[in-house]
Each structure stands twice: as structure tokens, then as C-alpha cells.
Amino acid sequence: VEPILGEADNPNLPDEQVNLAFMVDAYHEFEYPYEMMQGIVRSLKPN
């Protein structure tokens, strides 16, 4: 488990390294949901 300090508009994840991004009762509280999800999408591998 690798802790990562994110920002309200950036998860600070590496690009195209993630198989699954997982959020439990979290997304509805994102202060910047559009920007955060853009960062999450960038972090995902194709598919």
C-alpha cells in the first residue's frame, strides 16, 4: 500500500499505471469532481 497525498483537484496519480480506480462513498464529496475525474482517467491504463 503506497500512500499518496492528493489535492482537491488532482489525485496525483501516475499516468496510465492504474488497472482500477475505486471510490467508496467518496465521489459525491469531491470539491472538483470534473478535474479529479480527469486526473483519474489519465491514470488508467487502456480498458
ModelCIF file with pLDDT and N, C-alpha, C, O atoms, coordinates in Angstrom:
data_MODEL
#
_entry.id   MODEL 
#
_entity.id                         1 
_entity.type                       polymer 
_entity.pdbx_number_of_molecules   1 
#
_entity_poly.entity_id                      1 
_entity_poly.type                           'polypeptide(L)' 
_entity_poly.nstd_linkage                   no 
_entity_poly.nstd_monomer                   no 
_entity_poly.pdbx_seq_one_letter_code       VEPILGEADNPNLPDEQVNLAFMVDAYHEFEYPYEMMQGIVRSLKPN 
_entity_poly.pdbx_seq_one_letter_code_can   VEPILGEADNPNLPDEQVNLAFMVDAYHEFEYPYEMMQGIVRSLKPN 
_entity_poly.pdbx_strand_id                 A 
#
loop_
_entity_poly_seq.entity_id 
_entity_poly_seq.num 
_entity_poly_seq.mon_id 
_entity_poly_seq.hetero 
1 1  VAL n 
1 2  GLU n 
1 3  PRO n 
1 4  ILE n 
1 5  LEU n 
1 6  GLY n 
1 7  GLU n 
1 8  ALA n 
1 9  ASP n 
1 10 ASN n 
1 11 PRO n 
1 12 ASN n 
1 13 LEU n 
1 14 PRO n 
1 15 ASP n 
1 16 GLU n 
1 17 GLN n 
1 18 VAL n 
1 19 ASN n 
1 20 LEU n 
1 21 ALA n 
1 22 PHE n 
1 23 MET n 
1 24 VAL n 
1 25 ASP n 
1 26 ALA n 
1 27 TYR n 
1 28 HIS n 
1 29 GLU n 
1 30 PHE n 
1 31 GLU n 
1 32 TYR n 
1 33 PRO n 
1 34 TYR n 
1 35 GLU n 
1 36 MET n 
1 37 MET n 
1 38 GLN n 
1 39 GLY n 
1 40 ILE n 
1 41 VAL n 
1 42 ARG n 
1 43 SER n 
1 44 LEU n 
1 45 LYS n 
1 46 PRO n 
1 47 ASN n 
#
_struct_asym.id          A 
_struct_asym.entity_id   1 
#
loop_
_ma_qa_metric.id 
_ma_qa_metric.mode 
_ma_qa_metric.name 
_ma_qa_metric.software_group_id 
_ma_qa_metric.type 
1 global pLDDT . pLDDT 
2 local  pLDDT . pLDDT 
#
_ma_qa_metric_global.metric_id      1 
_ma_qa_metric_global.metric_value   97.49 
_ma_qa_metric_global.model_id       1 
_ma_qa_metric_global.ordinal_id     1 
#
loop_
_ma_qa_metric_local.label_asym_id 
_ma_qa_metric_local.label_comp_id 
_ma_qa_metric_local.label_seq_id 
_ma_qa_metric_local.metric_id 
_ma_qa_metric_local.metric_value 
_ma_qa_metric_local.model_id 
_ma_qa_metric_local.ordinal_id 
A VAL 1  2 98.00 1 1  
A GLU 2  2 98.00 1 2  
A PRO 3  2 98.00 1 3  
A ILE 4  2 98.00 1 4  
A LEU 5  2 98.00 1 5  
A GLY 6  2 98.00 1 6  
A GLU 7  2 98.00 1 7  
A ALA 8  2 96.00 1 8  
A ASP 9  2 98.00 1 9  
A ASN 10 2 98.00 1 10 
A PRO 11 2 98.00 1 11 
A ASN 12 2 98.00 1 12 
A LEU 13 2 98.00 1 13 
A PRO 14 2 98.00 1 14 
A ASP 15 2 98.00 1 15 
A GLU 16 2 98.00 1 16 
A GLN 17 2 98.00 1 17 
A VAL 18 2 98.00 1 18 
A ASN 19 2 98.00 1 19 
A LEU 20 2 98.00 1 20 
A ALA 21 2 98.00 1 21 
A PHE 22 2 96.00 1 22 
A MET 23 2 98.00 1 23 
A VAL 24 2 96.00 1 24 
A ASP 25 2 93.00 1 25 
A ALA 26 2 94.00 1 26 
A TYR 27 2 98.00 1 27 
A HIS 28 2 97.00 1 28 
A GLU 29 2 96.00 1 29 
A PHE 30 2 97.00 1 30 
A GLU 31 2 97.00 1 31 
A TYR 32 2 98.00 1 32 
A PRO 33 2 98.00 1 33 
A TYR 34 2 98.00 1 34 
A GLU 35 2 98.00 1 35 
A MET 36 2 98.00 1 36 
A MET 37 2 98.00 1 37 
A GLN 38 2 98.00 1 38 
A GLY 39 2 98.00 1 39 
A ILE 40 2 98.00 1 40 
A VAL 41 2 98.00 1 41 
A ARG 42 2 98.00 1 42 
A SER 43 2 98.00 1 43 
A LEU 44 2 98.00 1 44 
A LYS 45 2 98.00 1 45 
A PRO 46 2 96.00 1 46 
A ASN 47 2 96.00 1 47 
#
loop_
_atom_site.group_PDB 
_atom_site.id 
_atom_site.type_symbol 
_atom_site.label_atom_id 
_atom_site.label_alt_id 
_atom_site.label_comp_id 
_atom_site.label_asym_id 
_atom_site.label_entity_id 
_atom_site.label_seq_id 
_atom_site.pdbx_PDB_ins_code 
_atom_site.Cartn_x 
_atom_site.Cartn_y 
_atom_site.Cartn_z 
_atom_site.occupancy 
_atom_site.B_iso_or_equiv 
_atom_site.pdbx_formal_charge 
_atom_site.auth_seq_id 
_atom_site.auth_comp_id 
_atom_site.auth_asym_id 
_atom_site.auth_atom_id 
_atom_site.pdbx_PDB_model_num 
ATOM 1   N N  . VAL A 1 1  ? 0.869   -1.182 0.000   1.00 98.00 ? 1  VAL A N  1 
ATOM 2   C CA . VAL A 1 1  ? 0.000   0.000  0.000   1.00 98.00 ? 1  VAL A CA 1 
ATOM 3   C C  . VAL A 1 1  ? 0.900   1.224  0.000   1.00 98.00 ? 1  VAL A C  1 
ATOM 4   O O  . VAL A 1 1  ? 1.759   1.375  0.869   1.00 98.00 ? 1  VAL A O  1 
ATOM 5   N N  . GLU A 1 2  ? 0.699   2.096  -0.979  1.00 98.00 ? 2  GLU A N  1 
ATOM 6   C CA . GLU A 1 2  ? 1.520   3.304  -1.123  1.00 98.00 ? 2  GLU A CA 1 
ATOM 7   C C  . GLU A 1 2  ? 0.656   4.548  -0.876  1.00 98.00 ? 2  GLU A C  1 
ATOM 8   O O  . GLU A 1 2  ? -0.191  4.872  -1.709  1.00 98.00 ? 2  GLU A O  1 
ATOM 9   N N  . PRO A 1 3  ? 0.848   5.245  0.237   1.00 98.00 ? 3  PRO A N  1 
ATOM 10  C CA . PRO A 1 3  ? 0.069   6.462  0.494   1.00 98.00 ? 3  PRO A CA 1 
ATOM 11  C C  . PRO A 1 3  ? 0.460   7.574  -0.479  1.00 98.00 ? 3  PRO A C  1 
ATOM 12  O O  . PRO A 1 3  ? 1.638   7.767  -0.779  1.00 98.00 ? 3  PRO A O  1 
ATOM 13  N N  . ILE A 1 4  ? -0.548  8.303  -0.966  1.00 98.00 ? 4  ILE A N  1 
ATOM 14  C CA . ILE A 1 4  ? -0.320  9.426  -1.878  1.00 98.00 ? 4  ILE A CA 1 
ATOM 15  C C  . ILE A 1 4  ? -1.133  10.614 -1.393  1.00 98.00 ? 4  ILE A C  1 
ATOM 16  O O  . ILE A 1 4  ? -2.345  10.504 -1.209  1.00 98.00 ? 4  ILE A O  1 
ATOM 17  N N  . LEU A 1 5  ? -0.482  11.737 -1.186  1.00 98.00 ? 5  LEU A N  1 
ATOM 18  C CA . LEU A 1 5  ? -1.184  12.962 -0.804  1.00 98.00 ? 5  LEU A CA 1 
ATOM 19  C C  . LEU A 1 5  ? -1.727  13.618 -2.059  1.00 98.00 ? 5  LEU A C  1 
ATOM 20  O O  . LEU A 1 5  ? -0.965  14.114 -2.889  1.00 98.00 ? 5  LEU A O  1 
ATOM 21  N N  . GLY A 1 6  ? -3.028  13.619 -2.195  1.00 98.00 ? 6  GLY A N  1 
ATOM 22  C CA . GLY A 1 6  ? -3.661  14.241 -3.341  1.00 98.00 ? 6  GLY A CA 1 
ATOM 23  C C  . GLY A 1 6  ? -3.992  15.701 -3.072  1.00 98.00 ? 6  GLY A C  1 
ATOM 24  O O  . GLY A 1 6  ? -3.732  16.228 -1.990  1.00 98.00 ? 6  GLY A O  1 
ATOM 25  N N  . GLU A 1 7  ? -4.568  16.336 -4.072  1.00 98.00 ? 7  GLU A N  1 
ATOM 26  C CA . GLU A 1 7  ? -5.065  17.703 -3.961  1.00 98.00 ? 7  GLU A CA 1 
ATOM 27  C C  . GLU A 1 7  ? -6.551  17.687 -4.298  1.00 98.00 ? 7  GLU A C  1 
ATOM 28  O O  . GLU A 1 7  ? -7.052  16.717 -4.867  1.00 98.00 ? 7  GLU A O  1 
ATOM 29  N N  . ALA A 1 8  ? -7.246  18.744 -3.954  1.00 96.00 ? 8  ALA A N  1 
ATOM 30  C CA . ALA A 1 8  ? -8.689  18.765 -4.180  1.00 96.00 ? 8  ALA A CA 1 
ATOM 31  C C  . ALA A 1 8  ? -9.054  18.655 -5.651  1.00 96.00 ? 8  ALA A C  1 
ATOM 32  O O  . ALA A 1 8  ? -10.156 18.215 -5.981  1.00 96.00 ? 8  ALA A O  1 
ATOM 33  N N  . ASP A 1 9  ? -8.141  19.049 -6.547  1.00 98.00 ? 9  ASP A N  1 
ATOM 34  C CA . ASP A 1 9  ? -8.426  18.975 -7.979  1.00 98.00 ? 9  ASP A CA 1 
ATOM 35  C C  . ASP A 1 9  ? -7.448  18.065 -8.723  1.00 98.00 ? 9  ASP A C  1 
ATOM 36  O O  . ASP A 1 9  ? -7.370  18.116 -9.950  1.00 98.00 ? 9  ASP A O  1 
ATOM 37  N N  . ASN A 1 10 ? -6.700  17.232 -7.989  1.00 98.00 ? 10 ASN A N  1 
ATOM 38  C CA . ASN A 1 10 ? -5.714  16.369 -8.640  1.00 98.00 ? 10 ASN A CA 1 
ATOM 39  C C  . ASN A 1 10 ? -5.378  15.200 -7.725  1.00 98.00 ? 10 ASN A C  1 
ATOM 40  O O  . ASN A 1 10 ? -4.927  15.418 -6.600  1.00 98.00 ? 10 ASN A O  1 
ATOM 41  N N  . PRO A 1 11 ? -5.586  13.954 -8.179  1.00 98.00 ? 11 PRO A N  1 
ATOM 42  C CA . PRO A 1 11 ? -5.252  12.814 -7.321  1.00 98.00 ? 11 PRO A CA 1 
ATOM 43  C C  . PRO A 1 11 ? -3.763  12.520 -7.243  1.00 98.00 ? 11 PRO A C  1 
ATOM 44  O O  . PRO A 1 11 ? -3.329  11.706 -6.428  1.00 98.00 ? 11 PRO A O  1 
ATOM 45  N N  . ASN A 1 12 ? -2.974  13.184 -8.093  1.00 98.00 ? 12 ASN A N  1 
ATOM 46  C CA . ASN A 1 12 ? -1.515  12.990 -8.113  1.00 98.00 ? 12 ASN A CA 1 
ATOM 47  C C  . ASN A 1 12 ? -1.127  11.530 -8.352  1.00 98.00 ? 12 ASN A C  1 
ATOM 48  O O  . ASN A 1 12 ? -0.241  10.986 -7.692  1.00 98.00 ? 12 ASN A O  1 
ATOM 49  N N  . LEU A 1 13 ? -1.810  10.920 -9.309  1.00 98.00 ? 13 LEU A N  1 
ATOM 50  C CA . LEU A 1 13 ? -1.515  9.549  -9.693  1.00 98.00 ? 13 LEU A CA 1 
ATOM 51  C C  . LEU A 1 13 ? -0.659  9.534  -10.955 1.00 98.00 ? 13 LEU A C  1 
ATOM 52  O O  . LEU A 1 13 ? -0.741  10.457 -11.765 1.00 98.00 ? 13 LEU A O  1 
ATOM 53  N N  . PRO A 1 14 ? 0.162   8.501  -11.135 1.00 98.00 ? 14 PRO A N  1 
ATOM 54  C CA . PRO A 1 14 ? 0.964   8.396  -12.361 1.00 98.00 ? 14 PRO A CA 1 
ATOM 55  C C  . PRO A 1 14 ? 0.063   8.094  -13.561 1.00 98.00 ? 14 PRO A C  1 
ATOM 56  O O  . PRO A 1 14 ? -0.960  7.424  -13.420 1.00 98.00 ? 14 PRO A O  1 
ATOM 57  N N  . ASP A 1 15 ? 0.444   8.585  -14.727 1.00 98.00 ? 15 ASP A N  1 
ATOM 58  C CA . ASP A 1 15 ? -0.349  8.374  -15.936 1.00 98.00 ? 15 ASP A CA 1 
ATOM 59  C C  . ASP A 1 15 ? -0.292  6.916  -16.384 1.00 98.00 ? 15 ASP A C  1 
ATOM 60  O O  . ASP A 1 15 ? 0.765   6.286  -16.393 1.00 98.00 ? 15 ASP A O  1 
ATOM 61  N N  . GLU A 1 16 ? -1.464  6.401  -16.756 1.00 98.00 ? 16 GLU A N  1 
ATOM 62  C CA . GLU A 1 16 ? -1.616  5.092  -17.394 1.00 98.00 ? 16 GLU A CA 1 
ATOM 63  C C  . GLU A 1 16 ? -0.912  3.959  -16.639 1.00 98.00 ? 16 GLU A C  1 
ATOM 64  O O  . GLU A 1 16 ? -0.246  3.112  -17.236 1.00 98.00 ? 16 GLU A O  1 
ATOM 65  N N  . GLN A 1 17 ? -1.077  3.966  -15.310 1.00 98.00 ? 17 GLN A N  1 
ATOM 66  C CA . GLN A 1 17 ? -0.471  2.913  -14.486 1.00 98.00 ? 17 GLN A CA 1 
ATOM 67  C C  . GLN A 1 17 ? -1.508  2.122  -13.687 1.00 98.00 ? 17 GLN A C  1 
ATOM 68  O O  . GLN A 1 17 ? -1.164  1.125  -13.052 1.00 98.00 ? 17 GLN A O  1 
ATOM 69  N N  . VAL A 1 18 ? -2.762  2.550  -13.711 1.00 98.00 ? 18 VAL A N  1 
ATOM 70  C CA . VAL A 1 18 ? -3.779  2.007  -12.809 1.00 98.00 ? 18 VAL A CA 1 
ATOM 71  C C  . VAL A 1 18 ? -4.742  1.093  -13.561 1.00 98.00 ? 18 VAL A C  1 
ATOM 72  O O  . VAL A 1 18 ? -5.246  1.446  -14.627 1.00 98.00 ? 18 VAL A O  1 
ATOM 73  N N  . ASN A 1 19 ? -4.990  -0.086 -12.991 1.00 98.00 ? 19 ASN A N  1 
ATOM 74  C CA . ASN A 1 19 ? -5.983  -1.005 -13.561 1.00 98.00 ? 19 ASN A CA 1 
ATOM 75  C C  . ASN A 1 19 ? -7.393  -0.670 -13.098 1.00 98.00 ? 19 ASN A C  1 
ATOM 76  O O  . ASN A 1 19 ? -8.354  -0.798 -13.857 1.00 98.00 ? 19 ASN A O  1 
ATOM 77  N N  . LEU A 1 20 ? -7.507  -0.239 -11.842 1.00 98.00 ? 20 LEU A N  1 
ATOM 78  C CA . LEU A 1 20 ? -8.817  0.024  -11.253 1.00 98.00 ? 20 LEU A CA 1 
ATOM 79  C C  . LEU A 1 20 ? -8.726  1.205  -10.302 1.00 98.00 ? 20 LEU A C  1 
ATOM 80  O O  . LEU A 1 20 ? -7.885  1.222  -9.403  1.00 98.00 ? 20 LEU A O  1 
ATOM 81  N N  . ALA A 1 21 ? -9.591  2.192  -10.501 1.00 98.00 ? 21 ALA A N  1 
ATOM 82  C CA . ALA A 1 21 ? -9.744  3.301  -9.552  1.00 98.00 ? 21 ALA A CA 1 
ATOM 83  C C  . ALA A 1 21 ? -11.044 3.076  -8.796  1.00 98.00 ? 21 ALA A C  1 
ATOM 84  O O  . ALA A 1 21 ? -12.090 2.819  -9.392  1.00 98.00 ? 21 ALA A O  1 
ATOM 85  N N  . PHE A 1 22 ? -10.961 3.176  -7.486  1.00 96.00 ? 22 PHE A N  1 
ATOM 86  C CA . PHE A 1 22 ? -12.010 2.691  -6.593  1.00 96.00 ? 22 PHE A CA 1 
ATOM 87  C C  . PHE A 1 22 ? -12.394 3.797  -5.621  1.00 96.00 ? 22 PHE A C  1 
ATOM 88  O O  . PHE A 1 22 ? -11.523 4.395  -4.990  1.00 96.00 ? 22 PHE A O  1 
ATOM 89  N N  . MET A 1 23 ? -13.689 4.076  -5.493  1.00 98.00 ? 23 MET A N  1 
ATOM 90  C CA . MET A 1 23 ? -14.162 5.128  -4.600  1.00 98.00 ? 23 MET A CA 1 
ATOM 91  C C  . MET A 1 23 ? -15.386 4.644  -3.843  1.00 98.00 ? 23 MET A C  1 
ATOM 92  O O  . MET A 1 23 ? -16.401 4.313  -4.455  1.00 98.00 ? 23 MET A O  1 
ATOM 93  N N  . VAL A 1 24 ? -15.306 4.598  -2.542  1.00 96.00 ? 24 VAL A N  1 
ATOM 94  C CA . VAL A 1 24 ? -16.431 4.163  -1.716  1.00 96.00 ? 24 VAL A CA 1 
ATOM 95  C C  . VAL A 1 24 ? -17.005 5.375  -0.984  1.00 96.00 ? 24 VAL A C  1 
ATOM 96  O O  . VAL A 1 24 ? -16.346 5.956  -0.122  1.00 96.00 ? 24 VAL A O  1 
ATOM 97  N N  . ASP A 1 25 ? -18.237 5.751  -1.332  1.00 93.00 ? 25 ASP A N  1 
ATOM 98  C CA . ASP A 1 25 ? -18.918 6.888  -0.698  1.00 93.00 ? 25 ASP A CA 1 
ATOM 99  C C  . ASP A 1 25 ? -18.009 8.101  -0.633  1.00 93.00 ? 25 ASP A C  1 
ATOM 100 O O  . ASP A 1 25 ? -17.958 8.812  0.371   1.00 93.00 ? 25 ASP A O  1 
ATOM 101 N N  . ALA A 1 26 ? -17.300 8.319  -1.716  1.00 94.00 ? 26 ALA A N  1 
ATOM 102 C CA . ALA A 1 26 ? -16.294 9.374  -1.768  1.00 94.00 ? 26 ALA A CA 1 
ATOM 103 C C  . ALA A 1 26 ? -16.602 10.408 -2.838  1.00 94.00 ? 26 ALA A C  1 
ATOM 104 O O  . ALA A 1 26 ? -16.477 11.610 -2.603  1.00 94.00 ? 26 ALA A O  1 
ATOM 105 N N  . TYR A 1 27 ? -16.998 9.950  -3.988  1.00 98.00 ? 27 TYR A N  1 
ATOM 106 C CA . TYR A 1 27 ? -17.098 10.837 -5.146  1.00 98.00 ? 27 TYR A CA 1 
ATOM 107 C C  . TYR A 1 27 ? -18.031 12.016 -4.896  1.00 98.00 ? 27 TYR A C  1 
ATOM 108 O O  . TYR A 1 27 ? -17.732 13.125 -5.339  1.00 98.00 ? 27 TYR A O  1 
ATOM 109 N N  . HIS A 1 28 ? -19.138 11.820 -4.211  1.00 97.00 ? 28 HIS A N  1 
ATOM 110 C CA . HIS A 1 28 ? -20.113 12.897 -4.009  1.00 97.00 ? 28 HIS A CA 1 
ATOM 111 C C  . HIS A 1 28 ? -19.542 14.059 -3.196  1.00 97.00 ? 28 HIS A C  1 
ATOM 112 O O  . HIS A 1 28 ? -20.137 15.135 -3.151  1.00 97.00 ? 28 HIS A O  1 
ATOM 113 N N  . GLU A 1 29 ? -18.386 13.844 -2.552  1.00 96.00 ? 29 GLU A N  1 
ATOM 114 C CA . GLU A 1 29 ? -17.752 14.887 -1.750  1.00 96.00 ? 29 GLU A CA 1 
ATOM 115 C C  . GLU A 1 29 ? -16.567 15.545 -2.454  1.00 96.00 ? 29 GLU A C  1 
ATOM 116 O O  . GLU A 1 29 ? -15.929 16.430 -1.883  1.00 96.00 ? 29 GLU A O  1 
ATOM 117 N N  . PHE A 1 30 ? -16.265 15.133 -3.674  1.00 97.00 ? 30 PHE A N  1 
ATOM 118 C CA . PHE A 1 30 ? -15.166 15.775 -4.398  1.00 97.00 ? 30 PHE A CA 1 
ATOM 119 C C  . PHE A 1 30 ? -15.475 17.254 -4.594  1.00 97.00 ? 30 PHE A C  1 
ATOM 120 O O  . PHE A 1 30 ? -16.539 17.606 -5.104  1.00 97.00 ? 30 PHE A O  1 
ATOM 121 N N  . GLU A 1 31 ? -14.566 18.102 -4.198  1.00 97.00 ? 31 GLU A N  1 
ATOM 122 C CA . GLU A 1 31 ? -14.770 19.542 -4.376  1.00 97.00 ? 31 GLU A CA 1 
ATOM 123 C C  . GLU A 1 31 ? -14.666 19.940 -5.845  1.00 97.00 ? 31 GLU A C  1 
ATOM 124 O O  . GLU A 1 31 ? -15.345 20.862 -6.298  1.00 97.00 ? 31 GLU A O  1 
ATOM 125 N N  . TYR A 1 32 ? -13.819 19.246 -6.574  1.00 98.00 ? 32 TYR A N  1 
ATOM 126 C CA . TYR A 1 32 ? -13.650 19.480 -8.010  1.00 98.00 ? 32 TYR A CA 1 
ATOM 127 C C  . TYR A 1 32 ? -13.827 18.147 -8.751  1.00 98.00 ? 32 TYR A C  1 
ATOM 128 O O  . TYR A 1 32 ? -12.848 17.562 -9.213  1.00 98.00 ? 32 TYR A O  1 
ATOM 129 N N  . PRO A 1 33 ? -15.063 17.672 -8.865  1.00 98.00 ? 33 PRO A N  1 
ATOM 130 C CA . PRO A 1 33 ? -15.271 16.342 -9.446  1.00 98.00 ? 33 PRO A CA 1 
ATOM 131 C C  . PRO A 1 33 ? -14.804 16.219 -10.885 1.00 98.00 ? 33 PRO A C  1 
ATOM 132 O O  . PRO A 1 33 ? -14.263 15.181 -11.266 1.00 98.00 ? 33 PRO A O  1 
ATOM 133 N N  . TYR A 1 34 ? -15.001 17.251 -11.692 1.00 98.00 ? 34 TYR A N  1 
ATOM 134 C CA . TYR A 1 34 ? -14.592 17.180 -13.096 1.00 98.00 ? 34 TYR A CA 1 
ATOM 135 C C  . TYR A 1 34 ? -13.070 17.059 -13.211 1.00 98.00 ? 34 TYR A C  1 
ATOM 136 O O  . TYR A 1 34 ? -12.567 16.201 -13.937 1.00 98.00 ? 34 TYR A O  1 
ATOM 137 N N  . GLU A 1 35 ? -12.350 17.906 -12.505 1.00 98.00 ? 35 GLU A N  1 
ATOM 138 C CA . GLU A 1 35 ? -10.892 17.887 -12.570 1.00 98.00 ? 35 GLU A CA 1 
ATOM 139 C C  . GLU A 1 35 ? -10.323 16.592 -11.952 1.00 98.00 ? 35 GLU A C  1 
ATOM 140 O O  . GLU A 1 35 ? -9.383  16.001 -12.484 1.00 98.00 ? 35 GLU A O  1 
ATOM 141 N N  . MET A 1 36 ? -10.907 16.169 -10.828 1.00 98.00 ? 36 MET A N  1 
ATOM 142 C CA . MET A 1 36 ? -10.442 14.940 -10.192 1.00 98.00 ? 36 MET A CA 1 
ATOM 143 C C  . MET A 1 36 ? -10.631 13.742 -11.113 1.00 98.00 ? 36 MET A C  1 
ATOM 144 O O  . MET A 1 36 ? -9.733  12.911 -11.248 1.00 98.00 ? 36 MET A O  1 
ATOM 145 N N  . MET A 1 37 ? -11.788 13.655 -11.742 1.00 98.00 ? 37 MET A N  1 
ATOM 146 C CA . MET A 1 37 ? -12.035 12.509 -12.616 1.00 98.00 ? 37 MET A CA 1 
ATOM 147 C C  . MET A 1 37 ? -11.157 12.566 -13.864 1.00 98.00 ? 37 MET A C  1 
ATOM 148 O O  . MET A 1 37 ? -10.762 11.524 -14.386 1.00 98.00 ? 37 MET A O  1 
ATOM 149 N N  . GLN A 1 38 ? -10.849 13.757 -14.344 1.00 98.00 ? 38 GLN A N  1 
ATOM 150 C CA . GLN A 1 38 ? -9.900  13.848 -15.458 1.00 98.00 ? 38 GLN A CA 1 
ATOM 151 C C  . GLN A 1 38 ? -8.550  13.255 -15.059 1.00 98.00 ? 38 GLN A C  1 
ATOM 152 O O  . GLN A 1 38 ? -7.936  12.521 -15.834 1.00 98.00 ? 38 GLN A O  1 
ATOM 153 N N  . GLY A 1 39 ? -8.092  13.575 -13.853 1.00 98.00 ? 39 GLY A N  1 
ATOM 154 C CA . GLY A 1 39 ? -6.835  13.032 -13.363 1.00 98.00 ? 39 GLY A CA 1 
ATOM 155 C C  . GLY A 1 39 ? -6.899  11.519 -13.190 1.00 98.00 ? 39 GLY A C  1 
ATOM 156 O O  . GLY A 1 39 ? -5.936  10.810 -13.482 1.00 98.00 ? 39 GLY A O  1 
ATOM 157 N N  . ILE A 1 40 ? -8.027  11.037 -12.719 1.00 98.00 ? 40 ILE A N  1 
ATOM 158 C CA . ILE A 1 40 ? -8.198  9.589  -12.543 1.00 98.00 ? 40 ILE A CA 1 
ATOM 159 C C  . ILE A 1 40 ? -8.206  8.891  -13.895 1.00 98.00 ? 40 ILE A C  1 
ATOM 160 O O  . ILE A 1 40 ? -7.577  7.846  -14.059 1.00 98.00 ? 40 ILE A O  1 
ATOM 161 N N  . VAL A 1 41 ? -8.912  9.460  -14.862 1.00 98.00 ? 41 VAL A N  1 
ATOM 162 C CA . VAL A 1 41 ? -8.945  8.861  -16.197 1.00 98.00 ? 41 VAL A CA 1 
ATOM 163 C C  . VAL A 1 41 ? -7.539  8.806  -16.795 1.00 98.00 ? 41 VAL A C  1 
ATOM 164 O O  . VAL A 1 41 ? -7.170  7.809  -17.415 1.00 98.00 ? 41 VAL A O  1 
ATOM 165 N N  . ARG A 1 42 ? -6.759  9.864  -16.613 1.00 98.00 ? 42 ARG A N  1 
ATOM 166 C CA . ARG A 1 42 ? -5.378  9.862  -17.119 1.00 98.00 ? 42 ARG A CA 1 
ATOM 167 C C  . ARG A 1 42 ? -4.553  8.747  -16.482 1.00 98.00 ? 42 ARG A C  1 
ATOM 168 O O  . ARG A 1 42 ? -3.662  8.189  -17.124 1.00 98.00 ? 42 ARG A O  1 
ATOM 169 N N  . SER A 1 43 ? -4.841  8.427  -15.239 1.00 98.00 ? 43 SER A N  1 
ATOM 170 C CA . SER A 1 43 ? -4.059  7.418  -14.532 1.00 98.00 ? 43 SER A CA 1 
ATOM 171 C C  . SER A 1 43 ? -4.377  5.999  -14.982 1.00 98.00 ? 43 SER A C  1 
ATOM 172 O O  . SER A 1 43 ? -3.594  5.081  -14.736 1.00 98.00 ? 43 SER A O  1 
ATOM 173 N N  . LEU A 1 44 ? -5.517  5.811  -15.638 1.00 98.00 ? 44 LEU A N  1 
ATOM 174 C CA . LEU A 1 44 ? -5.942  4.468  -16.014 1.00 98.00 ? 44 LEU A CA 1 
ATOM 175 C C  . LEU A 1 44 ? -5.210  3.957  -17.240 1.00 98.00 ? 44 LEU A C  1 
ATOM 176 O O  . LEU A 1 44 ? -4.921  4.710  -18.171 1.00 98.00 ? 44 LEU A O  1 
ATOM 177 N N  . LYS A 1 45 ? -4.919  2.678  -17.226 1.00 98.00 ? 45 LYS A N  1 
ATOM 178 C CA . LYS A 1 45 ? -4.459  2.013  -18.436 1.00 98.00 ? 45 LYS A CA 1 
ATOM 179 C C  . LYS A 1 45 ? -5.632  1.924  -19.425 1.00 98.00 ? 45 LYS A C  1 
ATOM 180 O O  . LYS A 1 45 ? -6.785  2.038  -19.011 1.00 98.00 ? 45 LYS A O  1 
ATOM 181 N N  . PRO A 1 46 ? -5.360  1.722  -20.718 1.00 96.00 ? 46 PRO A N  1 
ATOM 182 C CA . PRO A 1 46 ? -6.461  1.471  -21.655 1.00 96.00 ? 46 PRO A CA 1 
ATOM 183 C C  . PRO A 1 46 ? -7.308  0.300  -21.156 1.00 96.00 ? 46 PRO A C  1 
ATOM 184 O O  . PRO A 1 46 ? -6.782  -0.730 -20.737 1.00 96.00 ? 46 PRO A O  1 
ATOM 185 N N  . ASN A 1 47 ? -8.617  0.478  -21.210 1.00 96.00 ? 47 ASN A N  1 
ATOM 186 C CA . ASN A 1 47 ? -9.577  -0.504 -20.688 1.00 96.00 ? 47 ASN A CA 1 
ATOM 187 C C  . ASN A 1 47 ? -9.568  -0.590 -19.165 1.00 96.00 ? 47 ASN A C  1 
ATOM 188 O O  . ASN A 1 47 ? -10.322 -1.372 -18.586 1.00 96.00 ? 47 ASN A O  1 
#
